[in-house]
């Protein structure tokens, strides 16, 4: 199973969170006529196609999903690309060429479960604002503290896995250890040139069967784990979850990972 197939088969928590974000955020969106839409961090494209696109106006002119992972973008185009929907390999922080080609271009931009993997929040948000037309809006969900990151950070301290995930801090939520994540995010948004219309943080939870976790971690950590180490890495994930007391044995005699996190749901506007 390649990375894209592994990702989509173990992406159910993110799909659930995207559906929740859509319910919370779409009431704030004032749809523009014949709008152009961007989805930042589209992954394998299933959330863009199955969750977001059905909520868009029928007259939507164009939908583009972007992600920095080439393999998932190829999968997205093969399985979900169409006349109005396409996917491109783009790093929202470093691919200035895409940004320059889409200045003042999009009416609505969305991002689900992506921004927490971006350390350079200020640059990413500035690029998103530049690609919006004046009066356009940006709706997003991301996480602050997260047990997923806690497991990865702990594994990165071991001699075995440090050489492979030593740079995990480049992909861990910049708000993971923050005492005031909301205040920091508001500051980033305002400095990027947005007007905040809605911003909420709330505790969220998902219990994942422990058997689900090895592939979930391997496919969602933005670091390529060598294929010949997948089994060993997966076993280390389970060991770490137990060591950190992040699992429980349920009445059905199935062991679950407590994937608790604080979710942020935001809607902002680029002023006219």
C-alpha atoms as a PDB file:
ATOM      1  CA  UNK A   1       0.000   0.000   0.000  1.00  0.00           C
ATOM      2  CA  UNK A   2       1.514   3.359  -1.025  1.00  0.00           C
ATOM      3  CA  UNK A   3       1.477   6.495   1.139  1.00  0.00           C
ATOM      4  CA  UNK A   4      -1.615   8.006  -0.501  1.00  0.00           C
ATOM      5  CA  UNK A   5      -3.690   4.827  -0.084  1.00  0.00           C
ATOM      6  CA  UNK A   6      -2.494   4.457   3.506  1.00  0.00           C
ATOM      7  CA  UNK A   7      -3.394   8.099   4.167  1.00  0.00           C
ATOM      8  CA  UNK A   8      -6.931   7.881   2.834  1.00  0.00           C
ATOM      9  CA  UNK A   9      -7.584   4.577   4.618  1.00  0.00           C
ATOM     10  CA  UNK A  10      -6.548   6.140   7.925  1.00  0.00           C
ATOM     11  CA  UNK A  11      -7.976   9.637   7.506  1.00  0.00           C
ATOM     12  CA  UNK A  12     -11.358   9.100   9.183  1.00  0.00           C
ATOM     13  CA  UNK A  13     -10.671  11.408  12.173  1.00  0.00           C
ATOM     14  CA  UNK A  14      -9.754  14.282   9.838  1.00  0.00           C
ATOM     15  CA  UNK A  15     -12.870  13.669   7.735  1.00  0.00           C
ATOM     16  CA  UNK A  16     -14.996  13.846  10.868  1.00  0.00           C
ATOM     17  CA  UNK A  17     -13.335  17.087  11.934  1.00  0.00           C
ATOM     18  CA  UNK A  18     -13.777  18.602   8.472  1.00  0.00           C
ATOM     19  CA  UNK A  19     -17.513  17.847   8.573  1.00  0.00           C
ATOM     20  CA  UNK A  20     -17.703  19.464  11.993  1.00  0.00           C
ATOM     21  CA  UNK A  21     -15.784  22.515  10.746  1.00  0.00           C
ATOM     22  CA  UNK A  22     -18.063  22.889   7.725  1.00  0.00           C
ATOM     23  CA  UNK A  23     -21.139  22.877   9.979  1.00  0.00           C
ATOM     24  CA  UNK A  24     -19.602  25.502  12.264  1.00  0.00           C
ATOM     25  CA  UNK A  25     -18.088  27.815   9.657  1.00  0.00           C
ATOM     26  CA  UNK A  26     -20.333  27.871   6.580  1.00  0.00           C
ATOM     27  CA  UNK A  27     -22.989  30.028   8.299  1.00  0.00           C
ATOM     28  CA  UNK A  28     -20.394  32.833   8.307  1.00  0.00           C
ATOM     29  CA  UNK A  29     -19.632  32.530   4.584  1.00  0.00           C
ATOM     30  CA  UNK A  30     -21.329  34.980   2.239  1.00  0.00           C
ATOM     31  CA  UNK A  31     -20.959  33.261  -1.098  1.00  0.00           C
ATOM     32  CA  UNK A  32     -19.716  35.289  -4.030  1.00  0.00           C
ATOM     33  CA  UNK A  33     -21.293  34.858  -7.455  1.00  0.00           C
ATOM     34  CA  UNK A  34     -19.417  32.427  -9.747  1.00  0.00           C
ATOM     35  CA  UNK A  35     -16.875  31.978  -6.983  1.00  0.00           C
ATOM     36  CA  UNK A  36     -13.390  30.505  -7.144  1.00  0.00           C
ATOM     37  CA  UNK A  37     -12.391  28.311  -4.211  1.00  0.00           C
ATOM     38  CA  UNK A  38      -9.075  27.075  -2.806  1.00  0.00           C
ATOM     39  CA  UNK A  39      -8.567  24.227  -0.327  1.00  0.00           C
ATOM     40  CA  UNK A  40      -5.183  24.460   1.443  1.00  0.00           C
ATOM     41  CA  UNK A  41      -3.828  21.102   2.599  1.00  0.00           C
ATOM     42  CA  UNK A  42      -6.173  18.956   0.525  1.00  0.00           C
ATOM     43  CA  UNK A  43      -4.358  15.673   1.167  1.00  0.00           C
ATOM     44  CA  UNK A  44      -5.800  12.884  -0.977  1.00  0.00           C
ATOM     45  CA  UNK A  45      -8.684  15.087  -2.108  1.00  0.00           C
ATOM     46  CA  UNK A  46     -11.509  13.122  -0.509  1.00  0.00           C
ATOM     47  CA  UNK A  47     -12.399  15.882   1.959  1.00  0.00           C
ATOM     48  CA  UNK A  48     -12.358  18.503  -0.801  1.00  0.00           C
ATOM     49  CA  UNK A  49     -14.556  16.332  -3.015  1.00  0.00           C
ATOM     50  CA  UNK A  50     -16.842  14.628  -0.493  1.00  0.00           C
ATOM     51  CA  UNK A  51     -17.167  17.197   2.298  1.00  0.00           C
ATOM     52  CA  UNK A  52     -16.480  20.669   0.911  1.00  0.00           C
ATOM     53  CA  UNK A  53     -17.588  20.564  -2.715  1.00  0.00           C
ATOM     54  CA  UNK A  54     -21.196  19.464  -2.030  1.00  0.00           C
ATOM     55  CA  UNK A  55     -21.627  22.569   0.159  1.00  0.00           C
ATOM     56  CA  UNK A  56     -20.440  25.006  -2.517  1.00  0.00           C
ATOM     57  CA  UNK A  57     -22.862  26.986  -4.686  1.00  0.00           C
ATOM     58  CA  UNK A  58     -23.902  25.225  -7.875  1.00  0.00           C
ATOM     59  CA  UNK A  59     -22.456  28.112  -9.886  1.00  0.00           C
ATOM     60  CA  UNK A  60     -18.982  27.743  -8.359  1.00  0.00           C
ATOM     61  CA  UNK A  61     -16.575  28.336 -11.234  1.00  0.00           C
ATOM     62  CA  UNK A  62     -13.416  26.617 -10.012  1.00  0.00           C
ATOM     63  CA  UNK A  63     -12.085  24.589  -7.078  1.00  0.00           C
ATOM     64  CA  UNK A  64      -8.356  23.988  -6.553  1.00  0.00           C
ATOM     65  CA  UNK A  65      -6.906  21.799  -3.833  1.00  0.00           C
ATOM     66  CA  UNK A  66      -3.232  22.170  -2.932  1.00  0.00           C
ATOM     67  CA  UNK A  67      -0.869  20.035  -0.867  1.00  0.00           C
ATOM     68  CA  UNK A  68       2.921  19.817  -0.600  1.00  0.00           C
ATOM     69  CA  UNK A  69       2.942  16.009  -0.861  1.00  0.00           C
ATOM     70  CA  UNK A  70       3.244  14.964  -4.504  1.00  0.00           C
ATOM     71  CA  UNK A  71       1.934  11.413  -3.978  1.00  0.00           C
ATOM     72  CA  UNK A  72      -1.354  12.507  -2.397  1.00  0.00           C
ATOM     73  CA  UNK A  73      -1.884  15.176  -5.065  1.00  0.00           C
ATOM     74  CA  UNK A  74      -1.437  12.595  -7.807  1.00  0.00           C
ATOM     75  CA  UNK A  75      -3.940  10.348  -6.030  1.00  0.00           C
ATOM     76  CA  UNK A  76      -6.394  13.253  -5.672  1.00  0.00           C
ATOM     77  CA  UNK A  77      -6.283  14.150  -9.362  1.00  0.00           C
ATOM     78  CA  UNK A  78      -6.640  10.517 -10.418  1.00  0.00           C
ATOM     79  CA  UNK A  79      -9.616   9.823  -8.163  1.00  0.00           C
ATOM     80  CA  UNK A  80     -11.377  13.165  -7.718  1.00  0.00           C
ATOM     81  CA  UNK A  81     -10.148  15.581 -10.389  1.00  0.00           C
ATOM     82  CA  UNK A  82     -12.694  16.852 -12.885  1.00  0.00           C
ATOM     83  CA  UNK A  83     -13.823  19.783 -14.969  1.00  0.00           C
ATOM     84  CA  UNK A  84     -14.209  22.189 -12.036  1.00  0.00           C
ATOM     85  CA  UNK A  85     -11.965  20.465  -9.509  1.00  0.00           C
ATOM     86  CA  UNK A  86      -8.212  19.964  -9.791  1.00  0.00           C
ATOM     87  CA  UNK A  87      -5.281  19.498  -7.444  1.00  0.00           C
ATOM     88  CA  UNK A  88      -1.758  20.906  -7.502  1.00  0.00           C
ATOM     89  CA  UNK A  89       1.425  20.212  -5.565  1.00  0.00           C
ATOM     90  CA  UNK A  90       2.061  23.450  -3.698  1.00  0.00           C
ATOM     91  CA  UNK A  91       3.794  24.336  -0.443  1.00  0.00           C
ATOM     92  CA  UNK A  92       1.763  27.234   0.947  1.00  0.00           C
ATOM     93  CA  UNK A  93       4.860  28.679   2.635  1.00  0.00           C
ATOM     94  CA  UNK A  94       7.582  28.287   0.006  1.00  0.00           C
ATOM     95  CA  UNK A  95       5.890  28.153  -3.409  1.00  0.00           C
ATOM     96  CA  UNK A  96       5.762  31.850  -4.138  1.00  0.00           C
ATOM     97  CA  UNK A  97       5.203  31.132  -7.834  1.00  0.00           C
ATOM     98  CA  UNK A  98       1.722  29.724  -7.186  1.00  0.00           C
ATOM     99  CA  UNK A  99       0.876  32.635  -4.902  1.00  0.00           C
ATOM    100  CA  UNK A 100       1.995  35.222  -7.466  1.00  0.00           C
ATOM    101  CA  UNK A 101      -0.041  33.479 -10.165  1.00  0.00           C
ATOM    102  CA  UNK A 102      -3.171  33.733  -7.995  1.00  0.00           C
ATOM    103  CA  UNK A 103      -2.993  37.169  -6.415  1.00  0.00           C
ATOM    104  CA  UNK A 104      -6.495  38.532  -5.669  1.00  0.00           C
ATOM    105  CA  UNK A 105      -7.871  35.409  -7.350  1.00  0.00           C
ATOM    106  CA  UNK A 106      -9.982  33.384  -4.911  1.00  0.00           C
ATOM    107  CA  UNK A 107     -13.296  34.377  -3.374  1.00  0.00           C
ATOM    108  CA  UNK A 108     -13.218  31.729  -0.649  1.00  0.00           C
ATOM    109  CA  UNK A 109     -10.311  29.775   0.835  1.00  0.00           C
ATOM    110  CA  UNK A 110     -10.659  26.801   3.182  1.00  0.00           C
ATOM    111  CA  UNK A 111      -8.224  24.703   5.168  1.00  0.00           C
ATOM    112  CA  UNK A 112      -9.038  21.701   7.336  1.00  0.00           C
ATOM    113  CA  UNK A 113      -6.543  20.029   9.689  1.00  0.00           C
ATOM    114  CA  UNK A 114      -3.541  21.519   7.924  1.00  0.00           C
ATOM    115  CA  UNK A 115      -2.276  24.713   9.581  1.00  0.00           C
ATOM    116  CA  UNK A 116      -1.081  22.868  12.667  1.00  0.00           C
ATOM    117  CA  UNK A 117       1.626  21.283  10.476  1.00  0.00           C
ATOM    118  CA  UNK A 118       2.910  24.720   9.407  1.00  0.00           C
ATOM    119  CA  UNK A 119       5.533  26.331  11.617  1.00  0.00           C
ATOM    120  CA  UNK A 120       5.710  29.505   9.510  1.00  0.00           C
ATOM    121  CA  UNK A 121       2.194  30.646  10.392  1.00  0.00           C
ATOM    122  CA  UNK A 122       2.798  34.285   9.505  1.00  0.00           C
ATOM    123  CA  UNK A 123       4.038  33.503   5.991  1.00  0.00           C
ATOM    124  CA  UNK A 124       1.283  30.971   5.266  1.00  0.00           C
ATOM    125  CA  UNK A 125      -1.468  33.329   6.412  1.00  0.00           C
ATOM    126  CA  UNK A 126       0.041  36.241   4.473  1.00  0.00           C
ATOM    127  CA  UNK A 127       0.069  34.146   1.292  1.00  0.00           C
ATOM    128  CA  UNK A 128      -3.535  33.080   1.856  1.00  0.00           C
ATOM    129  CA  UNK A 129      -4.605  36.697   2.335  1.00  0.00           C
ATOM    130  CA  UNK A 130      -2.762  37.753  -0.840  1.00  0.00           C
ATOM    131  CA  UNK A 131      -4.596  35.132  -2.892  1.00  0.00           C
ATOM    132  CA  UNK A 132      -8.003  36.283  -1.660  1.00  0.00           C
ATOM    133  CA  UNK A 133      -9.899  38.989  -3.427  1.00  0.00           C
ATOM    134  CA  UNK A 134     -10.752  41.996  -1.237  1.00  0.00           C
ATOM    135  CA  UNK A 135     -13.878  41.000   0.667  1.00  0.00           C
ATOM    136  CA  UNK A 136     -13.040  37.306   0.314  1.00  0.00           C
ATOM    137  CA  UNK A 137     -12.913  35.017   3.313  1.00  0.00           C
ATOM    138  CA  UNK A 138     -10.802  32.255   4.830  1.00  0.00           C
ATOM    139  CA  UNK A 139     -12.442  29.467   6.853  1.00  0.00           C
ATOM    140  CA  UNK A 140     -10.220  26.991   8.675  1.00  0.00           C
ATOM    141  CA  UNK A 141      -9.848  24.400  11.383  1.00  0.00           C
ATOM    142  CA  UNK A 142      -6.649  23.282  13.069  1.00  0.00           C
ATOM    143  CA  UNK A 143      -5.492  22.020  16.447  1.00  0.00           C
ATOM    144  CA  UNK A 144      -3.377  23.362  19.282  1.00  0.00           C
ATOM    145  CA  UNK A 145      -2.299  20.771  21.838  1.00  0.00           C
ATOM    146  CA  UNK A 146      -2.686  17.266  20.489  1.00  0.00           C
ATOM    147  CA  UNK A 147      -1.848  13.781  21.762  1.00  0.00           C
ATOM    148  CA  UNK A 148      -0.650  12.847  18.268  1.00  0.00           C
ATOM    149  CA  UNK A 149       2.144  15.425  18.530  1.00  0.00           C
ATOM    150  CA  UNK A 150       2.858  14.356  22.095  1.00  0.00           C
ATOM    151  CA  UNK A 151       3.593  10.808  20.920  1.00  0.00           C
ATOM    152  CA  UNK A 152       5.803  11.998  18.047  1.00  0.00           C
ATOM    153  CA  UNK A 153       7.743  14.381  20.291  1.00  0.00           C
ATOM    154  CA  UNK A 154       8.407  11.594  22.793  1.00  0.00           C
ATOM    155  CA  UNK A 155       9.581   9.186  20.079  1.00  0.00           C
ATOM    156  CA  UNK A 156      11.948  11.829  18.720  1.00  0.00           C
ATOM    157  CA  UNK A 157      13.881  11.675  21.995  1.00  0.00           C
ATOM    158  CA  UNK A 158      14.834   8.028  21.480  1.00  0.00           C
ATOM    159  CA  UNK A 159      18.146   7.078  19.898  1.00  0.00           C
ATOM    160  CA  UNK A 160      16.328   4.724  17.532  1.00  0.00           C
ATOM    161  CA  UNK A 161      13.953   7.251  15.989  1.00  0.00           C
ATOM    162  CA  UNK A 162      15.788  10.549  16.437  1.00  0.00           C
ATOM    163  CA  UNK A 163      17.681  10.133  13.125  1.00  0.00           C
ATOM    164  CA  UNK A 164      14.378   9.694  11.254  1.00  0.00           C
ATOM    165  CA  UNK A 165      12.163  12.280  12.950  1.00  0.00           C
ATOM    166  CA  UNK A 166      14.689  14.680  14.441  1.00  0.00           C
ATOM    167  CA  UNK A 167      13.093  17.534  12.493  1.00  0.00           C
ATOM    168  CA  UNK A 168       9.601  16.824  13.823  1.00  0.00           C
ATOM    169  CA  UNK A 169       9.510  20.305  15.357  1.00  0.00           C
ATOM    170  CA  UNK A 170       9.246  21.695  11.820  1.00  0.00           C
ATOM    171  CA  UNK A 171       5.854  19.997  11.504  1.00  0.00           C
ATOM    172  CA  UNK A 172       4.453  20.098  15.034  1.00  0.00           C
ATOM    173  CA  UNK A 173       1.719  22.576  15.878  1.00  0.00           C
ATOM    174  CA  UNK A 174       3.278  25.946  16.760  1.00  0.00           C
ATOM    175  CA  UNK A 175       0.622  26.138  19.482  1.00  0.00           C
ATOM    176  CA  UNK A 176       1.341  22.703  21.001  1.00  0.00           C
ATOM    177  CA  UNK A 177       3.009  24.132  24.108  1.00  0.00           C
ATOM    178  CA  UNK A 178       1.546  27.631  24.006  1.00  0.00           C
ATOM    179  CA  UNK A 179      -0.025  29.134  27.118  1.00  0.00           C
ATOM    180  CA  UNK A 180      -2.156  31.435  24.967  1.00  0.00           C
ATOM    181  CA  UNK A 181      -2.782  29.785  21.562  1.00  0.00           C
ATOM    182  CA  UNK A 182      -5.828  31.905  20.793  1.00  0.00           C
ATOM    183  CA  UNK A 183      -3.976  35.145  21.443  1.00  0.00           C
ATOM    184  CA  UNK A 184      -1.019  34.065  19.324  1.00  0.00           C
ATOM    185  CA  UNK A 185      -3.240  33.023  16.427  1.00  0.00           C
ATOM    186  CA  UNK A 186      -5.211  36.271  16.539  1.00  0.00           C
ATOM    187  CA  UNK A 187      -1.934  38.176  16.403  1.00  0.00           C
ATOM    188  CA  UNK A 188      -0.797  36.178  13.359  1.00  0.00           C
ATOM    189  CA  UNK A 189      -4.134  36.742  11.596  1.00  0.00           C
ATOM    190  CA  UNK A 190      -4.199  40.481  12.220  1.00  0.00           C
ATOM    191  CA  UNK A 191      -0.579  40.947  11.184  1.00  0.00           C
ATOM    192  CA  UNK A 192      -1.345  39.010   7.977  1.00  0.00           C
ATOM    193  CA  UNK A 193      -4.052  41.549   7.181  1.00  0.00           C
ATOM    194  CA  UNK A 194      -7.245  39.716   8.154  1.00  0.00           C
ATOM    195  CA  UNK A 195     -10.291  40.888  10.056  1.00  0.00           C
ATOM    196  CA  UNK A 196     -11.422  38.175  12.470  1.00  0.00           C
ATOM    197  CA  UNK A 197     -15.152  37.476  12.361  1.00  0.00           C
ATOM    198  CA  UNK A 198     -15.273  34.232  14.356  1.00  0.00           C
ATOM    199  CA  UNK A 199     -12.660  32.281  16.298  1.00  0.00           C
ATOM    200  CA  UNK A 200     -13.395  29.538  18.797  1.00  0.00           C
ATOM    201  CA  UNK A 201     -11.362  26.901  20.574  1.00  0.00           C
ATOM    202  CA  UNK A 202     -12.899  23.791  22.055  1.00  0.00           C
ATOM    203  CA  UNK A 203     -11.745  20.449  23.418  1.00  0.00           C
ATOM    204  CA  UNK A 204     -12.251  17.590  20.996  1.00  0.00           C
ATOM    205  CA  UNK A 205     -11.734  13.878  21.335  1.00  0.00           C
ATOM    206  CA  UNK A 206     -11.460  10.762  19.254  1.00  0.00           C
ATOM    207  CA  UNK A 207     -10.768   7.266  20.463  1.00  0.00           C
ATOM    208  CA  UNK A 208      -8.908   5.209  17.878  1.00  0.00           C
ATOM    209  CA  UNK A 209      -8.420   1.448  18.162  1.00  0.00           C
ATOM    210  CA  UNK A 210      -4.763   0.863  18.881  1.00  0.00           C
ATOM    211  CA  UNK A 211      -4.580  -1.459  15.871  1.00  0.00           C
ATOM    212  CA  UNK A 212      -5.465   1.571  13.708  1.00  0.00           C
ATOM    213  CA  UNK A 213      -2.651   3.756  15.067  1.00  0.00           C
ATOM    214  CA  UNK A 214       0.559   2.464  13.413  1.00  0.00           C
ATOM    215  CA  UNK A 215      -0.638   3.171   9.868  1.00  0.00           C
ATOM    216  CA  UNK A 216      -2.401   6.359  11.002  1.00  0.00           C
ATOM    217  CA  UNK A 217       0.821   7.787  12.419  1.00  0.00           C
ATOM    218  CA  UNK A 218       2.985   6.644   9.495  1.00  0.00           C
ATOM    219  CA  UNK A 219       0.633   8.175   6.917  1.00  0.00           C
ATOM    220  CA  UNK A 220      -0.033  11.443   8.760  1.00  0.00           C
ATOM    221  CA  UNK A 221       3.359  12.417  10.123  1.00  0.00           C
ATOM    222  CA  UNK A 222       4.772  14.796   7.451  1.00  0.00           C
ATOM    223  CA  UNK A 223       8.080  12.915   7.460  1.00  0.00           C
ATOM    224  CA  UNK A 224       8.793   9.964   5.194  1.00  0.00           C
ATOM    225  CA  UNK A 225       9.469   6.842   7.254  1.00  0.00           C
ATOM    226  CA  UNK A 226      11.429   4.267   5.201  1.00  0.00           C
ATOM    227  CA  UNK A 227       9.166   1.421   4.123  1.00  0.00           C
ATOM    228  CA  UNK A 228      11.407  -1.219   5.630  1.00  0.00           C
ATOM    229  CA  UNK A 229      10.978   0.441   9.041  1.00  0.00           C
ATOM    230  CA  UNK A 230       7.184   0.748   8.975  1.00  0.00           C
ATOM    231  CA  UNK A 231       6.534  -2.294  11.143  1.00  0.00           C
ATOM    232  CA  UNK A 232       9.150  -1.336  13.726  1.00  0.00           C
ATOM    233  CA  UNK A 233       7.958   2.273  13.763  1.00  0.00           C
ATOM    234  CA  UNK A 234       4.349   1.163  14.213  1.00  0.00           C
ATOM    235  CA  UNK A 235       5.272  -1.012  17.172  1.00  0.00           C
ATOM    236  CA  UNK A 236       7.178   1.917  18.686  1.00  0.00           C
ATOM    237  CA  UNK A 237       4.058   4.090  18.298  1.00  0.00           C
ATOM    238  CA  UNK A 238       2.031   1.563  20.304  1.00  0.00           C
ATOM    239  CA  UNK A 239       4.737   1.299  22.948  1.00  0.00           C
ATOM    240  CA  UNK A 240       4.900   5.082  23.292  1.00  0.00           C
ATOM    241  CA  UNK A 241       1.132   5.467  23.562  1.00  0.00           C
ATOM    242  CA  UNK A 242       1.106   2.988  26.422  1.00  0.00           C
ATOM    243  CA  UNK A 243       4.169   4.512  28.067  1.00  0.00           C
ATOM    244  CA  UNK A 244       2.489   7.941  28.083  1.00  0.00           C
ATOM    245  CA  UNK A 245      -0.744   6.451  29.481  1.00  0.00           C
ATOM    246  CA  UNK A 246      -2.710   7.601  26.448  1.00  0.00           C
ATOM    247  CA  UNK A 247      -4.616   4.346  25.973  1.00  0.00           C
ATOM    248  CA  UNK A 248      -7.419   2.528  27.715  1.00  0.00           C
ATOM    249  CA  UNK A 249      -8.914  -0.933  27.565  1.00  0.00           C
ATOM    250  CA  UNK A 250     -12.644  -0.691  26.831  1.00  0.00           C
ATOM    251  CA  UNK A 251     -15.427  -3.078  27.837  1.00  0.00           C
ATOM    252  CA  UNK A 252     -15.272  -4.668  24.411  1.00  0.00           C
ATOM    253  CA  UNK A 253     -11.713  -5.706  25.345  1.00  0.00           C
ATOM    254  CA  UNK A 254     -10.328  -3.445  22.614  1.00  0.00           C
ATOM    255  CA  UNK A 255      -7.505  -1.061  23.494  1.00  0.00           C
ATOM    256  CA  UNK A 256      -8.011   2.539  22.337  1.00  0.00           C
ATOM    257  CA  UNK A 257      -5.741   5.536  21.845  1.00  0.00           C
ATOM    258  CA  UNK A 258      -7.097   8.686  23.485  1.00  0.00           C
ATOM    259  CA  UNK A 259      -6.557  11.151  20.648  1.00  0.00           C
ATOM    260  CA  UNK A 260      -7.615  14.210  22.605  1.00  0.00           C
ATOM    261  CA  UNK A 261      -6.885  17.680  21.244  1.00  0.00           C
ATOM    262  CA  UNK A 262      -8.011  21.293  21.327  1.00  0.00           C
ATOM    263  CA  UNK A 263      -9.578  22.333  18.052  1.00  0.00           C
ATOM    264  CA  UNK A 264      -9.684  25.851  16.606  1.00  0.00           C
ATOM    265  CA  UNK A 265     -12.426  26.902  14.201  1.00  0.00           C
ATOM    266  CA  UNK A 266     -11.935  30.264  12.501  1.00  0.00           C
ATOM    267  CA  UNK A 267     -13.480  32.539   9.909  1.00  0.00           C
ATOM    268  CA  UNK A 268     -11.713  35.697   8.786  1.00  0.00           C
ATOM    269  CA  UNK A 269     -12.124  38.226   5.984  1.00  0.00           C
ATOM    270  CA  UNK A 270      -9.717  40.164   3.817  1.00  0.00           C
ATOM    271  CA  UNK A 271     -11.016  43.739   4.168  1.00  0.00           C
ATOM    272  CA  UNK A 272     -12.010  45.636   1.045  1.00  0.00           C
END
